[in-house]
């Protein structure tokens, strides 16, 4: 599977779970797991930034994007979905990259299926509970939460003022997101607690924090880096939570081992 590919397809990874897969490029394989309530589009700036230097594969997790009709599942089931995709593409092991909620799934893959991961990159994610998201999830369910409230945490006032910028695009994604699926994922984040198990991850691991991230705060990302034996850490100065969208060139350099 070293040949160059450039394809979008719809595949069934489990009974009742059909999803969009983007497979682009050739060479070393990097599999990208998105956060919530996003989908494969959240990785496109990074995909473009690494174009020609590796093969990128990304897909819509359960409850997101093309798979909105599929209920969100637990982390072990989400990890099994990643393995099912690798099996379908005949990929024995890959460089696995997870952002935010996707970073938690990536942790589970590395712990439950270590033979399928040759390198791990955890970007702006958590390994211990974030209880405040349970309240946000309830607000999404009962209609009291503003789906665009996160924009002020993710973007500067200047970015928010740009009518056709990244913030405007993300705002449209949030308005269109399925609130039930989003709430399900936020509840998972609110109780996720793998920090004590991370010592079991043996592969080289990039831990990437954003200086101004209010959820995956740099102090917590430092705890993750300390827990993983073969981890290296980096804090992107002045960055916020959505670094794959806002700082794709820097993320690309990290994934390619250039930083």
Protein backbone atom coordinates (compact mmCIF):
# COMPACT_ATOMS: atom_id res chain seq x y z
CA UNK A 1 0.00 0.00 0.00
CA UNK A 2 2.86 2.42 -0.80
CA UNK A 3 1.27 3.79 -3.97
CA UNK A 4 -0.23 7.25 -4.13
CA UNK A 5 -3.98 7.44 -3.57
CA UNK A 6 -6.50 10.24 -3.68
CA UNK A 7 -9.97 9.01 -2.97
CA UNK A 8 -13.16 9.71 -1.09
CA UNK A 9 -15.29 6.67 -0.44
CA UNK A 10 -18.10 5.44 1.75
CA UNK A 11 -17.37 2.25 3.65
CA UNK A 12 -19.08 0.10 6.27
CA UNK A 13 -16.80 -0.29 9.29
CA UNK A 14 -19.35 -2.16 11.43
CA UNK A 15 -22.94 -3.32 10.98
CA UNK A 16 -25.07 -0.19 10.56
CA UNK A 17 -22.08 2.15 10.54
CA UNK A 18 -21.27 3.53 7.10
CA UNK A 19 -18.94 6.49 6.92
CA UNK A 20 -16.95 8.74 4.62
CA UNK A 21 -13.23 8.05 4.28
CA UNK A 22 -10.70 10.44 2.74
CA UNK A 23 -7.48 8.73 1.65
CA UNK A 24 -4.83 10.92 0.05
CA UNK A 25 -1.15 10.68 -0.87
CA UNK A 26 1.47 7.98 -0.61
CA UNK A 27 4.22 6.72 1.65
CA UNK A 28 4.15 6.74 5.43
CA UNK A 29 0.53 6.57 6.66
CA UNK A 30 -0.95 9.08 9.09
CA UNK A 31 -4.51 8.46 10.35
CA UNK A 32 -6.28 11.56 11.67
CA UNK A 33 -9.10 11.44 14.26
CA UNK A 34 -11.28 14.55 14.54
CA UNK A 35 -12.89 16.19 17.56
CA UNK A 36 -16.56 16.86 18.28
CA UNK A 37 -18.85 18.07 16.74
CA UNK A 38 -16.59 18.11 13.68
CA UNK A 39 -15.82 15.68 10.86
CA UNK A 40 -13.12 15.05 8.27
CA UNK A 41 -13.28 18.67 7.09
CA UNK A 42 -11.55 19.75 10.30
CA UNK A 43 -8.38 18.01 9.07
CA UNK A 44 -8.30 19.35 5.52
CA UNK A 45 -5.86 22.22 6.22
CA UNK A 46 -3.38 19.73 7.71
CA UNK A 47 -3.97 17.28 4.85
CA UNK A 48 -3.09 20.03 2.39
CA UNK A 49 -0.08 21.07 4.45
CA UNK A 50 1.48 17.58 4.35
CA UNK A 51 0.45 16.88 0.76
CA UNK A 52 3.10 14.94 -1.13
CA UNK A 53 5.06 14.05 1.98
CA UNK A 54 2.91 11.28 3.48
CA UNK A 55 -0.40 9.49 3.07
CA UNK A 56 -3.28 10.81 5.14
CA UNK A 57 -6.44 8.91 6.05
CA UNK A 58 -9.38 10.39 7.93
CA UNK A 59 -13.00 9.39 8.45
CA UNK A 60 -16.20 10.56 10.15
CA UNK A 61 -16.60 9.08 13.62
CA UNK A 62 -19.96 7.70 14.72
CA UNK A 63 -22.50 10.48 15.17
CA UNK A 64 -20.54 12.98 13.09
CA UNK A 65 -20.49 14.19 9.50
CA UNK A 66 -21.72 11.52 7.11
CA UNK A 67 -22.38 9.21 10.08
CA UNK A 68 -24.73 11.51 12.03
CA UNK A 69 -27.45 8.86 11.90
CA UNK A 70 -25.27 6.43 13.87
CA UNK A 71 -25.29 6.81 17.68
CA UNK A 72 -22.03 7.76 19.34
CA UNK A 73 -20.43 4.72 20.98
CA UNK A 74 -18.04 4.18 23.87
CA UNK A 75 -14.31 4.65 23.45
CA UNK A 76 -13.53 0.96 23.05
CA UNK A 77 -16.06 0.72 20.22
CA UNK A 78 -14.60 3.86 18.63
CA UNK A 79 -11.13 2.32 18.92
CA UNK A 80 -12.44 -0.84 17.23
CA UNK A 81 -13.73 1.35 14.38
CA UNK A 82 -10.20 2.66 13.81
CA UNK A 83 -8.87 -0.91 13.69
CA UNK A 84 -11.65 -1.89 11.27
CA UNK A 85 -10.58 0.93 8.98
CA UNK A 86 -6.93 -0.16 9.14
CA UNK A 87 -7.97 -3.72 8.31
CA UNK A 88 -10.05 -2.54 5.38
CA UNK A 89 -7.12 -0.54 3.99
CA UNK A 90 -4.64 -3.37 4.71
CA UNK A 91 -2.58 -1.18 7.03
CA UNK A 92 -0.77 -3.20 9.73
CA UNK A 93 0.26 -0.17 11.80
CA UNK A 94 0.13 3.60 11.41
CA UNK A 95 1.01 6.95 12.87
CA UNK A 96 -2.21 7.77 14.73
CA UNK A 97 -3.15 11.39 15.38
CA UNK A 98 -6.04 12.55 17.54
CA UNK A 99 -7.32 16.04 18.25
CA UNK A 100 -9.56 16.79 21.27
CA UNK A 101 -12.24 14.04 21.51
CA UNK A 102 -10.38 12.19 18.77
CA UNK A 103 -7.27 12.29 20.94
CA UNK A 104 -9.11 10.29 23.57
CA UNK A 105 -10.04 7.65 21.02
CA UNK A 106 -6.40 7.63 19.89
CA UNK A 107 -5.31 6.92 23.47
CA UNK A 108 -7.69 3.96 23.61
CA UNK A 109 -6.38 2.56 20.32
CA UNK A 110 -2.80 2.81 21.57
CA UNK A 111 -3.72 1.07 24.83
CA UNK A 112 -6.12 -1.59 23.52
CA UNK A 113 -4.51 -2.27 20.12
CA UNK A 114 -0.84 -1.31 20.60
CA UNK A 115 0.34 -3.40 17.66
CA UNK A 116 -1.59 -1.12 15.26
CA UNK A 117 0.16 2.11 16.29
CA UNK A 118 3.78 2.90 15.42
CA UNK A 119 3.63 6.53 16.52
CA UNK A 120 1.05 8.59 18.38
CA UNK A 121 0.27 12.31 18.30
CA UNK A 122 -2.11 13.79 20.88
CA UNK A 123 -3.22 17.33 20.11
CA UNK A 124 -5.18 19.50 22.56
CA UNK A 125 -6.85 16.57 24.30
CA UNK A 126 -7.43 15.33 27.84
CA UNK A 127 -6.73 12.15 29.77
CA UNK A 128 -8.73 13.03 32.88
CA UNK A 129 -12.33 14.19 33.43
CA UNK A 130 -13.62 17.63 32.49
CA UNK A 131 -16.94 17.75 34.43
CA UNK A 132 -18.02 21.15 33.06
CA UNK A 133 -18.86 19.51 29.75
CA UNK A 134 -21.68 17.54 31.38
CA UNK A 135 -23.48 20.85 31.95
CA UNK A 136 -22.85 21.94 28.36
CA UNK A 137 -24.17 18.60 27.13
CA UNK A 138 -27.38 19.02 29.12
CA UNK A 139 -27.82 22.50 27.67
CA UNK A 140 -27.48 21.14 24.15
CA UNK A 141 -30.13 18.54 24.92
CA UNK A 142 -32.67 20.91 26.45
CA UNK A 143 -32.05 23.78 24.05
CA UNK A 144 -30.62 26.26 26.56
CA UNK A 145 -27.03 26.13 25.26
CA UNK A 146 -25.85 28.40 22.47
CA UNK A 147 -24.14 26.10 19.93
CA UNK A 148 -21.81 28.94 18.94
CA UNK A 149 -20.72 29.82 22.49
CA UNK A 150 -17.41 28.04 22.01
CA UNK A 151 -16.37 30.41 19.25
CA UNK A 152 -15.28 33.08 21.71
CA UNK A 153 -12.94 30.55 23.36
CA UNK A 154 -11.55 29.28 20.09
CA UNK A 155 -11.04 32.52 18.17
CA UNK A 156 -9.82 36.06 18.72
CA UNK A 157 -12.17 39.02 18.20
CA UNK A 158 -10.31 39.79 14.97
CA UNK A 159 -10.89 36.24 13.68
CA UNK A 160 -14.56 36.39 14.67
CA UNK A 161 -14.95 39.61 12.70
CA UNK A 162 -13.77 38.06 9.43
CA UNK A 163 -16.91 37.29 7.40
CA UNK A 164 -15.30 34.50 5.38
CA UNK A 165 -12.58 33.30 7.75
CA UNK A 166 -12.07 30.08 9.68
CA UNK A 167 -14.26 31.27 12.57
CA UNK A 168 -17.19 31.85 10.20
CA UNK A 169 -16.74 28.38 8.74
CA UNK A 170 -16.60 26.75 12.16
CA UNK A 171 -19.66 28.71 13.24
CA UNK A 172 -21.62 27.27 10.31
CA UNK A 173 -20.48 23.77 11.30
CA UNK A 174 -21.66 24.30 14.88
CA UNK A 175 -25.06 25.55 13.78
CA UNK A 176 -25.50 22.48 11.58
CA UNK A 177 -24.22 19.96 14.15
CA UNK A 178 -26.54 17.32 15.57
CA UNK A 179 -26.92 18.51 19.17
CA UNK A 180 -27.76 15.09 20.55
CA UNK A 181 -24.64 13.46 19.10
CA UNK A 182 -22.53 16.42 20.18
CA UNK A 183 -23.94 16.17 23.70
CA UNK A 184 -23.19 12.45 23.79
CA UNK A 185 -19.55 13.11 22.91
CA UNK A 186 -19.21 15.93 25.44
CA UNK A 187 -20.55 13.66 28.17
CA UNK A 188 -17.85 11.15 27.26
CA UNK A 189 -15.18 13.84 27.58
CA UNK A 190 -16.62 14.91 30.94
CA UNK A 191 -15.81 11.53 32.50
CA UNK A 192 -12.85 10.27 30.45
CA UNK A 193 -10.11 9.13 32.82
CA UNK A 194 -7.10 7.33 31.29
CA UNK A 195 -4.22 9.26 32.82
CA UNK A 196 -3.13 6.42 35.11
CA UNK A 197 -3.03 4.00 32.16
CA UNK A 198 -0.87 6.08 29.84
CA UNK A 199 2.33 4.48 31.12
CA UNK A 200 1.26 1.50 29.01
CA UNK A 201 1.82 3.43 25.77
CA UNK A 202 5.24 2.41 24.49
CA UNK A 203 5.44 4.13 21.08
CA UNK A 204 6.96 7.56 20.44
CA UNK A 205 4.30 10.11 21.24
CA UNK A 206 3.93 13.79 20.38
CA UNK A 207 1.99 15.77 22.98
CA UNK A 208 0.95 19.11 21.49
CA UNK A 209 -0.71 21.79 23.61
CA UNK A 210 -2.04 25.24 22.74
CA UNK A 211 -1.01 28.02 25.08
CA UNK A 212 -4.50 29.55 25.24
CA UNK A 213 -6.57 26.35 25.30
CA UNK A 214 -9.07 26.54 28.15
CA UNK A 215 -9.94 22.82 28.23
CA UNK A 216 -6.83 20.85 27.27
CA UNK A 217 -4.78 23.36 29.23
CA UNK A 218 -0.97 23.16 28.87
CA UNK A 219 -0.61 22.04 32.49
CA UNK A 220 -2.78 19.01 31.84
CA UNK A 221 -1.05 18.25 28.55
CA UNK A 222 2.22 18.30 30.51
CA UNK A 223 0.78 15.61 32.79
CA UNK A 224 0.01 13.50 29.73
CA UNK A 225 3.56 13.94 28.44
CA UNK A 226 4.96 12.97 31.81
CA UNK A 227 2.78 9.86 31.97
CA UNK A 228 3.75 8.49 28.54
CA UNK A 229 7.28 7.02 28.69
CA UNK A 230 8.37 7.96 25.15
CA UNK A 231 6.62 11.31 24.87
CA UNK A 232 7.93 14.65 23.68
CA UNK A 233 5.91 17.77 24.35
CA UNK A 234 5.41 21.13 22.70
CA UNK A 235 3.27 24.16 23.53
CA UNK A 236 2.21 26.32 20.58
CA UNK A 237 2.50 29.91 21.77
CA UNK A 238 -0.58 32.07 21.29
CA UNK A 239 -2.58 29.14 19.91
CA UNK A 240 -6.09 28.06 20.86
CA UNK A 241 -7.91 24.75 20.84
CA UNK A 242 -8.53 24.35 17.10
CA UNK A 243 -4.89 24.27 16.06
CA UNK A 244 -5.41 21.84 13.12
CA UNK A 245 -7.59 24.54 11.55
CA UNK A 246 -5.74 27.60 12.80
CA UNK A 247 -2.09 26.50 12.68
CA UNK A 248 -2.02 23.64 10.15
CA UNK A 249 1.52 24.26 8.93
CA UNK A 250 2.91 23.93 12.46
CA UNK A 251 0.91 20.76 13.07
CA UNK A 252 2.14 19.38 9.74
CA UNK A 253 5.76 20.05 10.70
CA UNK A 254 5.28 18.26 14.02
CA UNK A 255 3.67 15.24 12.36
CA UNK A 256 6.47 15.09 9.82
CA UNK A 257 9.10 15.26 12.54
CA UNK A 258 10.40 18.66 11.48
CA UNK A 259 9.91 20.30 14.91
